[in-house]
C-alpha atoms as a PDB file:
ATOM      1  CA  MET A   1     -95.555-103.523  12.182  1.00  0.00           C
ATOM      2  CA  PRO A   2     -97.432-106.645  13.296  1.00  0.00           C
ATOM      3  CA  GLU A   3    -100.383-107.481  11.056  1.00  0.00           C
ATOM      4  CA  HIS A   4    -102.936-107.348  13.867  1.00  0.00           C
ATOM      5  CA  ILE A   5    -102.223-103.656  14.455  1.00  0.00           C
ATOM      6  CA  ALA A   6    -104.270-101.588  12.018  1.00  0.00           C
ATOM      7  CA  LEU A   7    -102.241 -98.930  10.217  1.00  0.00           C
ATOM      8  CA  ASP A   8    -105.273 -96.682   9.794  1.00  0.00           C
ATOM      9  CA  LYS A   9    -105.855 -96.636  13.573  1.00  0.00           C
ATOM     10  CA  VAL A  10    -102.178 -95.857  14.237  1.00  0.00           C
ATOM     11  CA  GLU A  11    -102.317 -93.121  11.601  1.00  0.00           C
ATOM     12  CA  SER A  12    -105.429 -91.465  13.032  1.00  0.00           C
ATOM     13  CA  THR A  13    -104.042 -91.736  16.573  1.00  0.00           C
ATOM     14  CA  LEU A  14    -100.753 -90.095  15.605  1.00  0.00           C
ATOM     15  CA  ASN A  15    -102.470 -87.403  13.537  1.00  0.00           C
ATOM     16  CA  GLU A  16    -104.576 -86.451  16.553  1.00  0.00           C
ATOM     17  CA  LEU A  17    -101.467 -86.192  18.727  1.00  0.00           C
ATOM     18  CA  ILE A  18     -99.672 -84.150  16.063  1.00  0.00           C
ATOM     19  CA  GLU A  19    -102.596 -81.711  16.007  1.00  0.00           C
ATOM     20  CA  THR A  20    -102.532 -81.496  19.806  1.00  0.00           C
ATOM     21  CA  LEU A  21     -98.793 -80.836  19.801  1.00  0.00           C
ATOM     22  CA  ARG A  22     -99.107 -78.169  17.118  1.00  0.00           C
ATOM     23  CA  GLU A  23    -101.881 -76.507  19.081  1.00  0.00           C
ATOM     24  CA  THR A  24     -99.892 -76.444  22.309  1.00  0.00           C
ATOM     25  CA  HIS A  25     -96.824 -75.263  20.383  1.00  0.00           C
ATOM     26  CA  GLU A  26     -98.760 -72.245  19.093  1.00  0.00           C
ATOM     27  CA  ALA A  27    -100.410 -71.574  22.453  1.00  0.00           C
ATOM     28  CA  TYR A  28     -97.111 -71.774  24.351  1.00  0.00           C
ATOM     29  CA  LYS A  29     -95.479 -69.447  21.837  1.00  0.00           C
ATOM     30  CA  GLU A  30     -98.306 -66.932  22.289  1.00  0.00           C
ATOM     31  CA  MET A  31     -98.268 -67.227  26.074  1.00  0.00           C
ATOM     32  CA  GLY A  32     -94.472 -67.092  26.258  1.00  0.00           C
ATOM     33  CA  ALA A  33     -94.564 -63.751  24.472  1.00  0.00           C
ATOM     34  CA  ARG A  34     -97.093 -62.421  27.016  1.00  0.00           C
ATOM     35  CA  LEU A  35     -95.442 -63.651  30.225  1.00  0.00           C
ATOM     36  CA  HIS A  36     -93.312 -61.222  32.203  1.00  0.00           C
ATOM     37  CA  ASP A  37     -91.520 -63.601  34.563  1.00  0.00           C
ATOM     38  CA  ALA A  38     -88.184 -64.569  32.975  1.00  0.00           C
ATOM     39  CA  ARG A  39     -88.294 -68.147  34.298  1.00  0.00           C
ATOM     40  CA  ALA A  40     -91.823 -68.719  33.002  1.00  0.00           C
ATOM     41  CA  LYS A  41     -90.978 -67.100  29.659  1.00  0.00           C
ATOM     42  CA  ARG A  42     -87.925 -69.407  29.260  1.00  0.00           C
ATOM     43  CA  LEU A  43     -89.999 -72.480  30.093  1.00  0.00           C
ATOM     44  CA  PHE A  44     -92.680 -71.607  27.567  1.00  0.00           C
ATOM     45  CA  LEU A  45     -90.286 -70.694  24.782  1.00  0.00           C
ATOM     46  CA  GLU A  46     -88.265 -73.883  25.350  1.00  0.00           C
ATOM     47  CA  GLU A  47     -91.454 -75.890  25.354  1.00  0.00           C
ATOM     48  CA  THR A  48     -92.488 -74.473  21.973  1.00  0.00           C
ATOM     49  CA  ARG A  49     -89.312 -76.062  20.587  1.00  0.00           C
ATOM     50  CA  VAL A  50     -89.976 -79.370  22.340  1.00  0.00           C
ATOM     51  CA  ARG A  51     -93.589 -79.591  21.131  1.00  0.00           C
ATOM     52  CA  ALA A  52     -92.475 -78.929  17.545  1.00  0.00           C
ATOM     53  CA  GLU A  53     -89.823 -81.657  17.882  1.00  0.00           C
ATOM     54  CA  TYR A  54     -92.390 -84.090  19.280  1.00  0.00           C
ATOM     55  CA  ALA A  55     -94.784 -83.420  16.395  1.00  0.00           C
ATOM     56  CA  ALA A  56     -91.926 -83.919  13.908  1.00  0.00           C
ATOM     57  CA  ALA A  57     -90.973 -87.207  15.594  1.00  0.00           C
ATOM     58  CA  LEU A  58     -94.540 -88.476  15.249  1.00  0.00           C
ATOM     59  CA  GLU A  59     -94.638 -87.376  11.607  1.00  0.00           C
ATOM     60  CA  ASN A  60     -91.397 -89.304  11.075  1.00  0.00           C
ATOM     61  CA  GLU A  61     -93.008 -92.381  12.632  1.00  0.00           C
ATOM     62  CA  LEU A  62     -95.886 -92.089  10.187  1.00  0.00           C
ATOM     63  CA  HIS A  63     -93.425 -91.839   7.292  1.00  0.00           C
ATOM     64  CA  ARG A  64     -91.550 -94.860   8.637  1.00  0.00           C
ATOM     65  CA  LEU A  65     -94.823 -96.787   8.688  1.00  0.00           C
ATOM     66  CA  GLY A  66     -95.401 -95.906   5.038  1.00  0.00           C
ATOM     67  CA  VAL A  67     -97.788 -92.980   5.424  1.00  0.00           C
ATOM     68  CA  HIS A  68     -96.481 -90.419   2.971  1.00  0.00           C
ATOM     69  CA  ASP A  69     -99.285 -87.879   3.136  1.00  0.00           C
ATOM     70  CA  VAL A  70     -99.223 -86.720   6.742  1.00  0.00           C
ATOM     71  CA  LYS A  71    -102.202 -84.456   7.297  1.00  0.00           C
ATOM     72  CA  ALA A  72    -101.066 -80.897   7.824  1.00  0.00           C
ATOM     73  CA  GLY A  73    -103.026 -78.350   9.781  1.00  0.00           C
ATOM     74  CA  ALA A  74    -105.186 -78.561  12.817  1.00  0.00           C
ATOM     75  CA  SER A  75    -108.655 -80.020  12.973  1.00  0.00           C
ATOM     76  CA  LEU A  76    -111.646 -77.765  13.461  1.00  0.00           C
ATOM     77  CA  ARG A  77    -111.733 -78.738  17.135  1.00  0.00           C
ATOM     78  CA  ALA A  78    -108.076 -77.854  17.585  1.00  0.00           C
ATOM     79  CA  LYS A  79    -108.481 -74.571  15.697  1.00  0.00           C
ATOM     80  CA  ALA A  80    -111.466 -73.623  17.828  1.00  0.00           C
ATOM     81  CA  HIS A  81    -109.565 -74.548  20.974  1.00  0.00           C
ATOM     82  CA  LEU A  82    -106.598 -72.433  19.838  1.00  0.00           C
ATOM     83  CA  ARG A  83    -108.844 -69.443  19.074  1.00  0.00           C
ATOM     84  CA  TRP A  84    -110.433 -69.751  22.510  1.00  0.00           C
ATOM     85  CA  GLY A  85    -106.980 -69.856  24.093  1.00  0.00           C
ATOM     86  CA  LYS A  86    -106.006 -66.680  22.246  1.00  0.00           C
ATOM     87  CA  VAL A  87    -109.160 -64.976  23.443  1.00  0.00           C
ATOM     88  CA  GLN A  88    -108.445 -66.056  27.008  1.00  0.00           C
ATOM     89  CA  ALA A  89    -104.826 -64.928  26.693  1.00  0.00           C
ATOM     90  CA  SER A  90    -105.803 -61.524  25.351  1.00  0.00           C
ATOM     91  CA  LEU A  91    -108.388 -61.029  28.079  1.00  0.00           C
ATOM     92  CA  ALA A  92    -106.135 -62.309  30.816  1.00  0.00           C
ATOM     93  CA  ALA A  93    -103.499 -59.740  31.598  1.00  0.00           C
ATOM     94  CA  SER A  94    -102.172 -61.609  34.609  1.00  0.00           C
ATOM     95  CA  GLN A  95     -99.464 -64.223  34.547  1.00  0.00           C
ATOM     96  CA  LYS A  96    -101.595 -66.376  36.838  1.00  0.00           C
ATOM     97  CA  ALA A  97    -104.406 -66.516  34.261  1.00  0.00           C
ATOM     98  CA  LEU A  98    -101.977 -67.386  31.455  1.00  0.00           C
ATOM     99  CA  LEU A  99    -100.443 -70.152  33.545  1.00  0.00           C
ATOM    100  CA  SER A 100    -103.897 -71.486  34.369  1.00  0.00           C
ATOM    101  CA  THR A 101    -104.695 -71.629  30.642  1.00  0.00           C
ATOM    102  CA  ALA A 102    -101.416 -73.456  30.010  1.00  0.00           C
ATOM    103  CA  GLU A 103    -102.253 -76.000  32.710  1.00  0.00           C
ATOM    104  CA  LYS A 104    -105.574 -76.707  31.008  1.00  0.00           C
ATOM    105  CA  ARG A 105    -103.838 -77.164  27.653  1.00  0.00           C
ATOM    106  CA  ASP A 106    -101.414 -79.657  29.150  1.00  0.00           C
ATOM    107  CA  ASP A 107    -104.292 -81.482  30.841  1.00  0.00           C
ATOM    108  CA  ALA A 108    -105.883 -81.840  27.396  1.00  0.00           C
ATOM    109  CA  ALA A 109    -102.558 -82.966  25.881  1.00  0.00           C
ATOM    110  CA  SER A 110    -102.082 -85.568  28.633  1.00  0.00           C
ATOM    111  CA  GLU A 111    -105.599 -86.824  28.014  1.00  0.00           C
ATOM    112  CA  ALA A 112    -104.896 -87.120  24.267  1.00  0.00           C
ATOM    113  CA  TYR A 113    -101.789 -89.185  25.044  1.00  0.00           C
ATOM    114  CA  ALA A 114    -103.704 -91.368  27.518  1.00  0.00           C
ATOM    115  CA  ASN A 115    -106.351 -92.017  24.864  1.00  0.00           C
ATOM    116  CA  ALA A 116    -103.678 -92.822  22.272  1.00  0.00           C
ATOM    117  CA  LEU A 117    -101.985 -95.269  24.631  1.00  0.00           C
ATOM    118  CA  LYS A 118    -105.255 -97.195  25.025  1.00  0.00           C
ATOM    119  CA  HIS A 119    -104.802 -98.403  21.442  1.00  0.00           C
ATOM    120  CA  GLU A 120    -102.654-101.290  20.396  1.00  0.00           C
ATOM    121  CA  LEU A 121     -99.447 -99.733  19.068  1.00  0.00           C
ATOM    122  CA  PRO A 122     -96.054-101.093  18.037  1.00  0.00           C
ATOM    123  CA  LEU A 123     -93.782-101.202  21.095  1.00  0.00           C
ATOM    124  CA  PRO A 124     -91.218 -98.586  19.942  1.00  0.00           C
ATOM    125  CA  LEU A 125     -94.037 -96.163  19.162  1.00  0.00           C
ATOM    126  CA  ARG A 126     -95.733 -96.868  22.505  1.00  0.00           C
ATOM    127  CA  GLU A 127     -92.456 -96.147  24.301  1.00  0.00           C
ATOM    128  CA  LEU A 128     -92.025 -92.885  22.366  1.00  0.00           C
ATOM    129  CA  LEU A 129     -95.529 -91.767  23.311  1.00  0.00           C
ATOM    130  CA  GLU A 130     -94.971 -92.687  26.952  1.00  0.00           C
ATOM    131  CA  ARG A 131     -91.754 -90.611  27.046  1.00  0.00           C
ATOM    132  CA  GLN A 132     -93.500 -87.656  25.442  1.00  0.00           C
ATOM    133  CA  GLN A 133     -96.451 -87.951  27.828  1.00  0.00           C
ATOM    134  CA  GLU A 134     -94.126 -88.064  30.846  1.00  0.00           C
ATOM    135  CA  HIS A 135     -92.383 -84.902  29.649  1.00  0.00           C
ATOM    136  CA  ILE A 136     -95.697 -83.107  29.155  1.00  0.00           C
ATOM    137  CA  GLN A 137     -96.728 -84.091  32.680  1.00  0.00           C
ATOM    138  CA  ARG A 138     -93.435 -82.763  34.094  1.00  0.00           C
ATOM    139  CA  VAL A 139     -93.970 -79.463  32.276  1.00  0.00           C
ATOM    140  CA  HIS A 140     -97.546 -79.341  33.563  1.00  0.00           C
ATOM    141  CA  ASP A 141     -96.197 -79.709  37.094  1.00  0.00           C
ATOM    142  CA  LYS A 142     -93.673 -76.892  36.488  1.00  0.00           C
ATOM    143  CA  VAL A 143     -96.416 -74.646  35.139  1.00  0.00           C
ATOM    144  CA  ARG A 144     -98.585 -75.447  38.154  1.00  0.00           C
ATOM    145  CA  ALA A 145     -95.691 -74.582  40.490  1.00  0.00           C
ATOM    146  CA  LEU A 146     -95.205 -71.260  38.706  1.00  0.00           C
ATOM    147  CA  HIS A 147     -98.942 -70.637  38.922  1.00  0.00           C
ATOM    148  CA  ASP A 148     -98.969 -71.381  42.651  1.00  0.00           C
ATOM    149  CA  LEU A 149     -96.027 -69.016  43.221  1.00  0.00           C
ATOM    150  CA  GLY A 150     -97.740 -66.173  41.380  1.00  0.00           C
END
């Protein structure tokens, strides 16, 4: 990694994204179990796998950069956000409400990626984050389409 890029900033940036991915992984798993539409259920359950893989890839990047103690667990903000999502999911019996909640989660994930990409990052890591962000945006668009159909 070039000397002018601060490892501590890269580490904190990746840890925030890992927390976001873990949060959306848990939320999508919860919502996938509650959805009735087979296509929506498949999308959400597949996305739980993808979000876990993305978090693992970012953890691997931290290890590659020499960070051996990757912070496990979600921050208080992420935990509170997850609890609120569970409350919304339990109160919202309709698929439309669940899909709306998922859209908001992906908006927050996209924003976290946009904030991360504002920082100076090594090029391979920047490219990885851009690919992940593009995927999250595509899923957001699929969720919105499902929402609009419902």
